Amino acid sequence: MAVSGLGNRLAAVRNMARLSQEEMSQKLGISRSAYQNYERGQRDLTAQLLLEIYAAFDVDPLWMLEGDTEDGKNRRHEEIAAAYRKIGIAVERRIIDRDLSVTPEKKWDAIEFLFDEFLNTDALAADGGAPDTTRIDSVLRLVS
């Protein structure tokens, strides 16, 4: 069963790279007719081809499958970027609120630690707010 819109996204990647169908098929190591079947949506891309497209064009494989944004990034990418920003702002605010003297390197160590924790546990507050200030304080104590 063909993934809806996959062929259009594949064509978009090819057009952004300014390649012909022949050049694209060569880059992916497949025949032109096989490539045309993918682009027309008559066949789904294999996992191997998705990885090759990612490696050659830095296009998120999930975007290729989901196509939920126009910039080549999937919905999870946007959520992660927003969480990273939220964590950074929360750490900065705690440093200011507590009048701490933290080097930029240590501040980023704290942000990276909290972000890694978020990635492993989705540790942001359930209501979508800032991370728990108690947790930020304990991490800042570790790095300062």
Protein backbone atom coordinates (compact mmCIF):
# COMPACT_ATOMS: atom_id res chain seq x y z
CA MET A 1 0.00 0.00 0.00
CA ALA A 2 1.52 3.31 -1.07
CA VAL A 3 2.14 6.01 1.51
CA SER A 4 0.06 9.06 0.60
CA GLY A 5 2.15 11.92 -0.75
CA LEU A 6 5.45 10.04 -0.56
CA GLY A 7 6.07 10.42 -4.28
CA ASN A 8 5.44 14.16 -4.10
CA ARG A 9 7.89 14.52 -1.21
CA LEU A 10 10.47 12.46 -3.10
CA ALA A 11 10.02 14.73 -6.13
CA ALA A 12 10.38 17.77 -3.87
CA VAL A 13 13.70 16.45 -2.54
CA ARG A 14 14.89 15.83 -6.09
CA ASN A 15 13.80 19.30 -7.22
CA MET A 16 15.46 20.98 -4.25
CA ALA A 17 18.68 19.16 -5.19
CA ARG A 18 18.15 20.28 -8.81
CA LEU A 19 18.49 16.77 -10.13
CA SER A 20 16.76 15.05 -13.03
CA GLN A 21 15.01 11.76 -12.41
CA GLU A 22 17.94 10.02 -14.10
CA GLU A 23 20.50 11.78 -11.84
CA MET A 24 18.42 11.05 -8.76
CA SER A 25 18.09 7.38 -9.62
CA GLN A 26 21.86 7.15 -10.15
CA LYS A 27 22.52 8.87 -6.82
CA LEU A 28 20.26 6.33 -5.10
CA GLY A 29 21.71 3.39 -7.03
CA ILE A 30 18.43 2.30 -8.62
CA SER A 31 17.09 2.22 -12.16
CA ARG A 32 15.28 5.20 -13.57
CA SER A 33 12.08 3.18 -13.99
CA ALA A 34 12.21 2.05 -10.35
CA TYR A 35 12.74 5.65 -9.28
CA GLN A 36 9.79 6.80 -11.42
CA ASN A 37 7.58 4.19 -9.73
CA TYR A 38 8.54 5.63 -6.33
CA GLU A 39 7.95 9.20 -7.43
CA ARG A 40 4.58 8.33 -9.02
CA GLY A 41 3.55 6.68 -5.75
CA GLN A 42 3.22 3.26 -7.34
CA ARG A 43 5.72 1.76 -4.87
CA ASP A 44 6.72 2.63 -1.31
CA LEU A 45 10.36 3.41 -0.61
CA THR A 46 12.31 0.69 1.10
CA ALA A 47 13.93 1.37 4.46
CA GLN A 48 17.31 1.24 2.73
CA LEU A 49 16.27 3.94 0.24
CA LEU A 50 14.91 6.11 3.04
CA LEU A 51 18.30 5.87 4.76
CA GLU A 52 20.10 6.68 1.52
CA ILE A 53 17.92 9.75 0.97
CA TYR A 54 18.64 10.82 4.53
CA ALA A 55 22.39 10.35 4.05
CA ALA A 56 22.54 12.03 0.64
CA PHE A 57 20.10 14.90 1.18
CA ASP A 58 19.78 15.26 5.00
CA VAL A 59 16.01 14.77 4.77
CA ASP A 60 14.25 13.38 7.83
CA PRO A 61 12.93 9.88 7.02
CA LEU A 62 9.86 10.53 9.18
CA TRP A 63 9.08 13.61 7.11
CA MET A 64 9.38 11.48 3.99
CA LEU A 65 6.76 9.13 5.45
CA GLU A 66 4.51 11.63 7.25
CA GLY A 67 4.98 14.83 5.29
CA ASP A 68 3.47 16.93 8.04
CA THR A 69 5.60 20.04 7.53
CA GLU A 70 6.99 21.79 4.48
CA ASP A 71 10.56 22.27 5.69
CA GLY A 72 11.64 18.64 5.69
CA LYS A 73 11.32 18.16 9.44
CA ASN A 74 8.72 16.10 11.19
CA ARG A 75 6.39 17.05 14.03
CA ARG A 76 8.69 15.49 16.67
CA HIS A 77 11.54 17.71 15.51
CA GLU A 78 9.42 20.79 16.20
CA GLU A 79 8.43 19.47 19.63
CA ILE A 80 12.06 18.76 20.51
CA ALA A 81 13.19 22.21 19.37
CA ALA A 82 10.46 23.84 21.46
CA ALA A 83 11.41 21.74 24.49
CA TYR A 84 15.10 22.64 24.11
CA ARG A 85 14.20 26.34 24.03
CA LYS A 86 11.86 25.97 27.02
CA ILE A 87 14.55 24.20 29.05
CA GLY A 88 17.16 26.83 28.14
CA ILE A 89 14.89 29.70 29.15
CA ALA A 90 13.92 27.97 32.41
CA VAL A 91 17.57 27.39 33.35
CA GLU A 92 18.48 30.98 32.52
CA ARG A 93 15.58 32.27 34.64
CA ARG A 94 16.60 30.11 37.62
CA ILE A 95 20.17 31.40 37.39
CA ILE A 96 18.89 34.98 37.40
CA ASP A 97 16.22 34.40 40.10
CA ARG A 98 18.73 32.75 42.42
CA ASP A 99 21.48 35.26 41.54
CA LEU A 100 23.87 32.41 40.76
CA SER A 101 27.30 32.81 39.27
CA VAL A 102 27.44 30.09 36.61
CA THR A 103 29.90 30.03 33.75
CA PRO A 104 28.41 29.73 30.27
CA GLU A 105 29.93 26.27 29.95
CA LYS A 106 28.30 25.09 33.18
CA LYS A 107 24.97 26.65 32.18
CA TRP A 108 25.05 24.68 28.92
CA ASP A 109 26.06 21.56 30.83
CA ALA A 110 22.89 21.96 32.90
CA ILE A 111 20.74 22.61 29.83
CA GLU A 112 22.18 19.59 28.02
CA PHE A 113 21.71 17.37 31.07
CA LEU A 114 18.07 18.43 31.48
CA PHE A 115 17.46 18.07 27.76
CA ASP A 116 18.94 14.56 27.70
CA GLU A 117 16.68 13.74 30.63
CA PHE A 118 13.71 15.12 28.68
CA LEU A 119 14.57 13.01 25.64
CA ASN A 120 14.78 9.88 27.75
CA THR A 121 11.71 10.45 29.91
CA ASP A 122 9.67 13.36 28.48
CA ALA A 123 10.39 15.03 31.81
CA LEU A 124 8.78 18.38 30.99
CA ALA A 125 5.78 19.26 33.06
CA ALA A 126 2.65 17.43 31.91
CA ASP A 127 0.80 20.71 31.37
CA GLY A 128 3.33 21.74 28.74
CA GLY A 129 4.87 24.33 31.04
CA ALA A 130 8.48 24.85 32.02
CA PRO A 131 10.53 22.10 33.59
CA ASP A 132 10.24 21.63 37.35
CA THR A 133 12.27 24.38 39.10
CA THR A 134 13.25 21.97 41.87
CA ARG A 135 14.84 19.71 39.27
CA ILE A 136 16.60 22.66 37.64
CA ASP A 137 17.94 23.78 41.02
CA SER A 138 19.32 20.34 41.78
CA VAL A 139 21.05 20.17 38.39
CA LEU A 140 22.46 23.69 38.82
CA ARG A 141 23.88 22.64 42.19
CA LEU A 142 25.65 19.78 40.44
CA VAL A 143 27.28 21.99 37.80
CA SER A 144 28.09 25.07 39.88
